[in-house]
């Protein structure tokens, strides 16, 4: 089971989205490890977990190039979360985007 890592400024604002994504995954019968971290925890978490995909919250989208460089050679996809889906806390749509990136 690979993990879906959401990155935000402090690791707090995405916690509601994580909960909604977990509920959407359960409804689909998927075993997932979905969690949120702050951008400062990125490298440390990469070393400790088997990450399937990284999604950036809108507040850290400006770090995308920097984080992509840290993922070079890992085959871990990284993308930013759709602003509308984030704003609506649409766990189903964000989960769908994460699963597509992992395929």
C-alpha atoms as a PDB file:
ATOM      1  CA  UNK A   1       0.000   0.000   0.000  1.00  0.00           C
ATOM      2  CA  UNK A   2       1.448   3.308  -1.066  1.00  0.00           C
ATOM      3  CA  UNK A   3       0.793   6.549   0.707  1.00  0.00           C
ATOM      4  CA  UNK A   4      -0.865   9.734  -0.514  1.00  0.00           C
ATOM      5  CA  UNK A   5       1.014  12.649   1.021  1.00  0.00           C
ATOM      6  CA  UNK A   6      -0.594  16.077   1.119  1.00  0.00           C
ATOM      7  CA  UNK A   7       1.752  18.973   1.751  1.00  0.00           C
ATOM      8  CA  UNK A   8       0.566  22.291   3.127  1.00  0.00           C
ATOM      9  CA  UNK A   9       2.001  25.223   5.023  1.00  0.00           C
ATOM     10  CA  UNK A  10       1.577  23.881   8.551  1.00  0.00           C
ATOM     11  CA  UNK A  11       0.038  20.444   8.054  1.00  0.00           C
ATOM     12  CA  UNK A  12      -3.195  21.630   9.653  1.00  0.00           C
ATOM     13  CA  UNK A  13      -5.392  23.076   6.932  1.00  0.00           C
ATOM     14  CA  UNK A  14      -5.445  19.853   4.944  1.00  0.00           C
ATOM     15  CA  UNK A  15      -6.506  17.631   7.858  1.00  0.00           C
ATOM     16  CA  UNK A  16     -10.205  17.995   6.991  1.00  0.00           C
ATOM     17  CA  UNK A  17      -9.441  17.142   3.366  1.00  0.00           C
ATOM     18  CA  UNK A  18      -7.488  14.059   4.494  1.00  0.00           C
ATOM     19  CA  UNK A  19     -10.516  12.873   6.497  1.00  0.00           C
ATOM     20  CA  UNK A  20     -12.804  13.350   3.499  1.00  0.00           C
ATOM     21  CA  UNK A  21     -10.348  11.545   1.213  1.00  0.00           C
ATOM     22  CA  UNK A  22     -10.136   8.630   3.676  1.00  0.00           C
ATOM     23  CA  UNK A  23     -13.937   8.350   3.731  1.00  0.00           C
ATOM     24  CA  UNK A  24     -14.013   8.389  -0.094  1.00  0.00           C
ATOM     25  CA  UNK A  25     -11.341   5.653  -0.197  1.00  0.00           C
ATOM     26  CA  UNK A  26     -13.269   3.521   2.316  1.00  0.00           C
ATOM     27  CA  UNK A  27     -16.439   3.910   0.222  1.00  0.00           C
ATOM     28  CA  UNK A  28     -14.484   2.517  -2.748  1.00  0.00           C
ATOM     29  CA  UNK A  29     -13.045  -0.316  -0.664  1.00  0.00           C
ATOM     30  CA  UNK A  30      -9.480   0.984  -1.052  1.00  0.00           C
ATOM     31  CA  UNK A  31      -6.763   0.521   1.535  1.00  0.00           C
ATOM     32  CA  UNK A  32      -4.918   3.800   1.670  1.00  0.00           C
ATOM     33  CA  UNK A  33      -2.551   5.756   3.859  1.00  0.00           C
ATOM     34  CA  UNK A  34      -3.537   9.388   3.357  1.00  0.00           C
ATOM     35  CA  UNK A  35      -1.871  12.005   5.533  1.00  0.00           C
ATOM     36  CA  UNK A  36      -0.905  15.678   5.632  1.00  0.00           C
ATOM     37  CA  UNK A  37       2.420  17.203   6.569  1.00  0.00           C
ATOM     38  CA  UNK A  38       3.940  20.649   6.600  1.00  0.00           C
ATOM     39  CA  UNK A  39       6.382  21.537   3.830  1.00  0.00           C
ATOM     40  CA  UNK A  40       9.219  21.537   6.381  1.00  0.00           C
ATOM     41  CA  UNK A  41       8.626  17.816   7.055  1.00  0.00           C
ATOM     42  CA  UNK A  42       8.821  16.844   3.366  1.00  0.00           C
ATOM     43  CA  UNK A  43      12.326  15.367   3.126  1.00  0.00           C
ATOM     44  CA  UNK A  44      12.154  13.587   6.471  1.00  0.00           C
ATOM     45  CA  UNK A  45       8.834  11.956   5.571  1.00  0.00           C
ATOM     46  CA  UNK A  46      10.143  10.877   2.145  1.00  0.00           C
ATOM     47  CA  UNK A  47      12.889   8.894   3.872  1.00  0.00           C
ATOM     48  CA  UNK A  48      10.503   7.162   6.278  1.00  0.00           C
ATOM     49  CA  UNK A  49       7.504   6.230   4.123  1.00  0.00           C
ATOM     50  CA  UNK A  50       6.745   4.536   0.822  1.00  0.00           C
ATOM     51  CA  UNK A  51       5.102   7.474  -0.931  1.00  0.00           C
ATOM     52  CA  UNK A  52       2.885   6.849  -3.949  1.00  0.00           C
ATOM     53  CA  UNK A  53       2.037  10.449  -4.777  1.00  0.00           C
ATOM     54  CA  UNK A  54       2.555  13.958  -3.392  1.00  0.00           C
ATOM     55  CA  UNK A  55      -0.185  16.588  -3.613  1.00  0.00           C
ATOM     56  CA  UNK A  56       0.467  20.224  -2.766  1.00  0.00           C
ATOM     57  CA  UNK A  57      -2.075  22.465  -1.099  1.00  0.00           C
ATOM     58  CA  UNK A  58      -2.658  25.826  -2.796  1.00  0.00           C
ATOM     59  CA  UNK A  59      -0.717  27.653  -0.070  1.00  0.00           C
ATOM     60  CA  UNK A  60       2.520  25.817  -0.978  1.00  0.00           C
ATOM     61  CA  UNK A  61       2.070  25.590  -4.759  1.00  0.00           C
ATOM     62  CA  UNK A  62       4.970  28.040  -5.110  1.00  0.00           C
ATOM     63  CA  UNK A  63       7.283  25.285  -3.781  1.00  0.00           C
ATOM     64  CA  UNK A  64       6.385  22.852  -6.580  1.00  0.00           C
ATOM     65  CA  UNK A  65       9.655  23.190  -8.569  1.00  0.00           C
ATOM     66  CA  UNK A  66      11.755  22.937  -5.399  1.00  0.00           C
ATOM     67  CA  UNK A  67       9.958  19.774  -4.244  1.00  0.00           C
ATOM     68  CA  UNK A  68      10.027  18.238  -7.743  1.00  0.00           C
ATOM     69  CA  UNK A  69      13.819  18.600  -7.655  1.00  0.00           C
ATOM     70  CA  UNK A  70      13.911  16.631  -4.387  1.00  0.00           C
ATOM     71  CA  UNK A  71      11.841  13.879  -6.026  1.00  0.00           C
ATOM     72  CA  UNK A  72      14.132  13.596  -9.067  1.00  0.00           C
ATOM     73  CA  UNK A  73      14.861   9.946  -9.812  1.00  0.00           C
ATOM     74  CA  UNK A  74      12.164   8.595  -7.470  1.00  0.00           C
ATOM     75  CA  UNK A  75       9.204   8.011  -9.842  1.00  0.00           C
ATOM     76  CA  UNK A  76       6.958   9.699  -7.261  1.00  0.00           C
ATOM     77  CA  UNK A  77       4.469  11.968  -9.049  1.00  0.00           C
ATOM     78  CA  UNK A  78       3.809  15.425  -7.634  1.00  0.00           C
ATOM     79  CA  UNK A  79       1.012  17.832  -8.496  1.00  0.00           C
ATOM     80  CA  UNK A  80      -0.895  20.647  -6.874  1.00  0.00           C
ATOM     81  CA  UNK A  81      -4.440  20.117  -5.654  1.00  0.00           C
ATOM     82  CA  UNK A  82      -7.117  21.697  -7.828  1.00  0.00           C
ATOM     83  CA  UNK A  83      -7.988  24.992  -6.109  1.00  0.00           C
ATOM     84  CA  UNK A  84     -11.735  24.470  -6.498  1.00  0.00           C
ATOM     85  CA  UNK A  85     -11.600  20.915  -5.112  1.00  0.00           C
ATOM     86  CA  UNK A  86      -9.473  22.142  -2.203  1.00  0.00           C
ATOM     87  CA  UNK A  87     -11.799  25.048  -1.464  1.00  0.00           C
ATOM     88  CA  UNK A  88     -14.840  22.766  -1.499  1.00  0.00           C
ATOM     89  CA  UNK A  89     -12.939  20.115   0.526  1.00  0.00           C
ATOM     90  CA  UNK A  90     -13.979  17.600  -2.150  1.00  0.00           C
ATOM     91  CA  UNK A  91     -12.205  14.473  -0.901  1.00  0.00           C
ATOM     92  CA  UNK A  92     -13.636  12.315  -3.696  1.00  0.00           C
ATOM     93  CA  UNK A  93     -12.205  14.503  -6.491  1.00  0.00           C
ATOM     94  CA  UNK A  94      -8.810  14.920  -4.811  1.00  0.00           C
ATOM     95  CA  UNK A  95      -8.595  11.161  -4.183  1.00  0.00           C
ATOM     96  CA  UNK A  96      -9.452  10.557  -7.846  1.00  0.00           C
ATOM     97  CA  UNK A  97      -6.651  12.907  -8.943  1.00  0.00           C
ATOM     98  CA  UNK A  98      -4.169  11.144  -6.640  1.00  0.00           C
ATOM     99  CA  UNK A  99      -5.127   7.692  -7.934  1.00  0.00           C
ATOM    100  CA  UNK A 100      -4.785   8.838 -11.554  1.00  0.00           C
ATOM    101  CA  UNK A 101      -1.296  10.169 -10.856  1.00  0.00           C
ATOM    102  CA  UNK A 102      -0.249   6.839  -9.331  1.00  0.00           C
ATOM    103  CA  UNK A 103      -1.382   4.812 -12.370  1.00  0.00           C
END
